[in-house]
N, C-alpha and C. Protein backbone atom coordinates (compact mmCIF):
# COMPACT_ATOMS: atom_id res chain seq x y z
N UNK A 1 -31.18 3.60 43.45
CA UNK A 1 -29.97 3.48 43.07
C UNK A 1 -29.55 4.74 42.68
N UNK A 2 -28.45 5.38 43.01
CA UNK A 2 -28.00 6.71 42.58
C UNK A 2 -27.43 6.71 41.21
N UNK A 3 -27.10 7.96 40.67
CA UNK A 3 -26.48 7.89 39.52
C UNK A 3 -25.15 7.27 39.16
N UNK A 4 -24.31 7.49 40.14
CA UNK A 4 -22.88 6.85 40.09
C UNK A 4 -22.94 5.48 39.98
N UNK A 5 -23.84 4.74 40.91
CA UNK A 5 -24.02 3.32 40.83
C UNK A 5 -24.64 2.86 39.32
N UNK A 6 -25.49 3.70 38.81
CA UNK A 6 -26.14 3.57 37.44
C UNK A 6 -25.10 3.34 36.42
N UNK A 7 -24.19 4.52 36.44
CA UNK A 7 -23.15 4.44 35.63
C UNK A 7 -22.23 3.47 35.65
N UNK A 8 -21.93 3.10 36.69
CA UNK A 8 -20.90 1.89 37.01
C UNK A 8 -21.48 0.71 36.38
N UNK A 9 -22.71 0.35 36.62
CA UNK A 9 -23.49 -0.72 36.09
C UNK A 9 -23.41 -0.73 34.50
N UNK A 10 -23.81 0.56 33.97
CA UNK A 10 -23.68 0.53 32.54
C UNK A 10 -22.21 0.38 32.04
N UNK A 11 -21.35 0.88 32.73
CA UNK A 11 -19.87 0.72 32.35
C UNK A 11 -19.59 -0.82 32.31
N UNK A 12 -20.01 -1.51 33.48
CA UNK A 12 -19.67 -2.88 33.57
C UNK A 12 -20.40 -3.65 32.52
N UNK A 13 -21.63 -3.25 32.03
CA UNK A 13 -22.19 -3.93 31.08
C UNK A 13 -21.55 -4.01 29.66
N UNK A 14 -21.08 -2.64 29.46
CA UNK A 14 -20.33 -2.34 28.15
C UNK A 14 -18.98 -3.14 28.12
N UNK A 15 -18.34 -3.13 29.27
CA UNK A 15 -17.24 -3.76 29.25
C UNK A 15 -17.28 -5.27 29.17
N UNK A 16 -18.32 -5.91 29.70
CA UNK A 16 -18.63 -7.48 29.64
C UNK A 16 -18.91 -7.73 28.28
N UNK A 17 -19.52 -6.75 27.43
CA UNK A 17 -19.73 -7.20 26.08
C UNK A 17 -18.50 -7.14 25.21
N UNK A 18 -17.51 -6.17 25.71
CA UNK A 18 -16.38 -6.19 24.93
C UNK A 18 -15.64 -7.27 25.30
N UNK A 19 -15.62 -7.74 26.55
CA UNK A 19 -14.80 -9.00 26.94
C UNK A 19 -15.32 -10.14 26.16
N UNK A 20 -16.53 -10.29 26.02
CA UNK A 20 -17.13 -11.46 25.17
C UNK A 20 -16.79 -11.45 23.92
N UNK A 21 -16.78 -10.31 23.14
CA UNK A 21 -16.23 -10.20 21.87
C UNK A 21 -14.69 -10.63 21.56
N UNK A 22 -13.86 -10.02 22.50
CA UNK A 22 -12.47 -10.41 22.58
C UNK A 22 -12.12 -11.74 22.85
N UNK A 23 -13.00 -12.37 23.85
CA UNK A 23 -12.83 -13.80 24.04
C UNK A 23 -13.06 -14.63 22.98
N UNK A 24 -14.01 -14.40 22.09
CA UNK A 24 -14.35 -15.06 21.02
C UNK A 24 -13.18 -14.98 19.93
N UNK A 25 -12.80 -13.92 19.84
CA UNK A 25 -11.62 -13.57 18.86
C UNK A 25 -10.32 -14.63 19.33
N UNK A 26 -10.09 -14.35 20.49
CA UNK A 26 -8.98 -14.92 21.06
C UNK A 26 -9.15 -16.60 21.10
N UNK A 27 -10.10 -17.03 21.54
CA UNK A 27 -10.48 -18.47 21.49
C UNK A 27 -10.37 -19.03 20.20
N UNK A 28 -10.80 -18.36 18.97
CA UNK A 28 -10.77 -18.88 17.73
C UNK A 28 -9.43 -19.07 17.30
N UNK A 29 -8.48 -18.17 17.69
CA UNK A 29 -7.09 -18.19 17.37
C UNK A 29 -6.34 -19.05 18.12
N UNK A 30 -6.82 -19.60 19.27
CA UNK A 30 -5.98 -20.62 20.27
C UNK A 30 -5.88 -21.93 19.61
N UNK A 31 -6.59 -22.19 18.51
CA UNK A 31 -6.60 -23.53 17.83
C UNK A 31 -5.52 -23.69 16.84
N UNK A 32 -4.87 -22.51 16.55
CA UNK A 32 -3.90 -22.44 15.59
C UNK A 32 -2.37 -22.98 16.09
N UNK A 33 -1.79 -23.45 15.39
CA UNK A 33 -0.28 -23.84 15.80
C UNK A 33 0.63 -22.88 15.27
N UNK A 34 1.99 -22.79 15.75
CA UNK A 34 2.76 -21.67 15.42
C UNK A 34 3.15 -21.90 14.10
N UNK A 35 3.30 -23.01 13.40
CA UNK A 35 3.76 -23.20 12.15
C UNK A 35 2.51 -23.40 11.23
N UNK A 36 1.31 -23.10 11.36
CA UNK A 36 0.26 -23.14 10.84
C UNK A 36 0.30 -22.14 9.83
N UNK A 37 -0.50 -22.14 8.60
CA UNK A 37 -0.55 -20.97 7.73
C UNK A 37 -1.67 -19.97 8.54
N UNK A 38 -1.40 -18.59 8.30
CA UNK A 38 -2.14 -17.65 8.97
C UNK A 38 -3.35 -17.56 8.30
N UNK A 39 -4.34 -17.43 9.09
CA UNK A 39 -5.85 -17.20 8.58
C UNK A 39 -6.08 -15.92 8.04
N UNK A 40 -5.15 -15.03 8.14
CA UNK A 40 -5.46 -13.67 7.36
C UNK A 40 -5.17 -13.96 5.83
N UNK A 41 -4.59 -14.90 5.36
CA UNK A 41 -4.62 -15.12 3.96
C UNK A 41 -3.22 -14.57 3.34
N UNK A 42 -2.26 -14.37 4.02
CA UNK A 42 -1.16 -13.75 3.58
C UNK A 42 -0.21 -14.97 2.95
N UNK A 43 -0.36 -16.14 3.49
CA UNK A 43 0.37 -17.13 3.03
C UNK A 43 1.58 -17.30 3.86
N UNK A 44 1.75 -16.59 4.89
CA UNK A 44 2.97 -16.61 5.91
C UNK A 44 2.51 -17.69 7.07
N UNK A 45 3.56 -18.06 7.68
CA UNK A 45 3.32 -18.82 8.90
C UNK A 45 2.50 -17.89 9.96
N UNK A 46 1.75 -18.44 10.73
CA UNK A 46 1.13 -17.78 11.90
C UNK A 46 2.05 -17.03 12.66
N UNK A 47 3.16 -17.74 13.13
CA UNK A 47 4.13 -17.20 13.94
C UNK A 47 4.84 -15.80 13.38
N UNK A 48 5.00 -15.90 12.03
CA UNK A 48 5.77 -14.66 11.42
C UNK A 48 4.62 -13.51 11.08
N UNK A 49 3.35 -13.88 11.18
CA UNK A 49 2.41 -12.77 10.67
C UNK A 49 1.40 -12.32 11.85
N UNK A 50 0.58 -13.01 12.36
CA UNK A 50 -0.59 -12.42 13.24
C UNK A 50 -0.45 -13.02 14.67
N UNK A 51 0.60 -13.83 15.11
CA UNK A 51 0.72 -14.29 16.26
C UNK A 51 0.88 -13.14 17.19
N UNK A 52 1.71 -12.19 16.95
CA UNK A 52 2.02 -11.17 17.82
C UNK A 52 0.60 -10.23 18.10
N UNK A 53 -0.07 -10.09 17.18
CA UNK A 53 -1.61 -9.49 17.40
C UNK A 53 -2.33 -10.27 18.34
N UNK A 54 -2.37 -11.47 18.20
CA UNK A 54 -3.16 -12.53 19.05
C UNK A 54 -2.62 -12.51 20.52
N UNK A 55 -1.30 -12.21 20.72
CA UNK A 55 -0.76 -12.06 22.06
C UNK A 55 -1.31 -10.69 22.69
N UNK A 56 -1.24 -9.65 21.75
CA UNK A 56 -1.61 -8.32 22.26
C UNK A 56 -3.24 -8.29 22.59
N UNK A 57 -3.92 -9.11 21.91
CA UNK A 57 -5.31 -9.31 22.05
C UNK A 57 -5.63 -9.90 23.44
N UNK A 58 -4.70 -10.83 23.65
CA UNK A 58 -4.81 -11.76 24.87
C UNK A 58 -4.54 -10.80 26.15
N UNK A 59 -3.41 -9.95 26.04
CA UNK A 59 -3.15 -9.17 27.10
C UNK A 59 -4.24 -8.04 27.51
N UNK A 60 -4.86 -7.54 26.36
CA UNK A 60 -5.98 -6.59 26.52
C UNK A 60 -7.22 -7.30 27.01
N UNK A 61 -7.50 -8.56 26.81
CA UNK A 61 -8.40 -9.37 27.39
C UNK A 61 -8.40 -9.61 28.98
N UNK A 62 -6.96 -9.81 29.25
CA UNK A 62 -6.71 -10.07 30.60
C UNK A 62 -7.01 -8.76 31.50
N UNK A 63 -6.38 -7.75 30.90
CA UNK A 63 -6.58 -6.17 31.46
C UNK A 63 -8.14 -5.92 31.71
N UNK A 64 -8.85 -6.24 30.76
CA UNK A 64 -10.33 -6.02 30.69
C UNK A 64 -11.06 -6.74 31.83
N UNK A 65 -10.59 -7.97 31.76
CA UNK A 65 -11.31 -8.88 32.90
C UNK A 65 -10.85 -8.35 34.30
N UNK A 66 -9.68 -8.00 34.40
CA UNK A 66 -9.30 -7.42 35.89
C UNK A 66 -9.98 -6.06 35.99
N UNK A 67 -10.08 -5.22 35.10
CA UNK A 67 -11.03 -4.00 35.18
C UNK A 67 -12.34 -4.40 35.59
N UNK A 68 -13.03 -5.21 34.86
CA UNK A 68 -14.47 -5.77 35.13
C UNK A 68 -14.71 -6.36 36.72
N UNK A 69 -13.63 -6.86 37.09
CA UNK A 69 -13.82 -7.50 38.35
C UNK A 69 -13.71 -6.35 39.28
N UNK A 70 -12.81 -5.43 39.24
CA UNK A 70 -12.74 -4.25 40.05
C UNK A 70 -14.03 -3.39 40.13
N UNK A 71 -14.44 -3.31 38.94
CA UNK A 71 -15.79 -2.60 38.69
C UNK A 71 -16.99 -3.26 39.41
N UNK A 72 -17.04 -4.67 39.46
CA UNK A 72 -18.12 -5.22 39.91
C UNK A 72 -17.91 -5.27 41.36
N UNK A 73 -16.66 -5.23 42.00
CA UNK A 73 -16.43 -5.21 43.38
C UNK A 73 -16.89 -3.82 43.97
N UNK A 74 -16.63 -2.66 43.23
CA UNK A 74 -17.16 -1.31 43.48
C UNK A 74 -18.60 -1.17 43.69
N UNK A 75 -19.14 -1.82 42.49
CA UNK A 75 -20.59 -1.92 42.72
C UNK A 75 -21.31 -2.61 43.82
N UNK A 76 -20.61 -3.74 44.13
CA UNK A 76 -21.24 -4.53 45.30
C UNK A 76 -20.52 -4.31 46.53
N UNK A 77 -19.88 -3.09 46.73
CA UNK A 77 -19.54 -2.94 47.96
C UNK A 77 -18.24 -3.56 48.60
N UNK A 78 -17.41 -3.91 47.61
CA UNK A 78 -16.06 -4.75 47.92
C UNK A 78 -16.37 -6.15 47.85
N UNK A 79 -17.58 -6.85 47.44
CA UNK A 79 -17.79 -8.24 47.44
C UNK A 79 -17.93 -8.65 46.09
N UNK A 80 -17.28 -9.42 45.49
CA UNK A 80 -17.33 -9.99 44.25
C UNK A 80 -18.28 -11.15 44.06
N UNK A 81 -19.34 -11.03 43.33
CA UNK A 81 -20.29 -12.14 43.45
C UNK A 81 -20.01 -13.00 42.12
């Protein structure tokens, strides 16, 4: 294995760990309803407080998953396993 491939594998591993962390955060917030009290403790409704942050985290998660798939394809010679 050459250095470039080893670096790509390390990058993929770190990216995968980051995806797992973000997925847990997003998944925990998916059980909230728009009119529920926010879990941050502000007393506001979730839709007026942290819902936008959740949507941003979801977009970041989708981007990271796409990047991870592309990285895996590059490592595996264009084949996604």
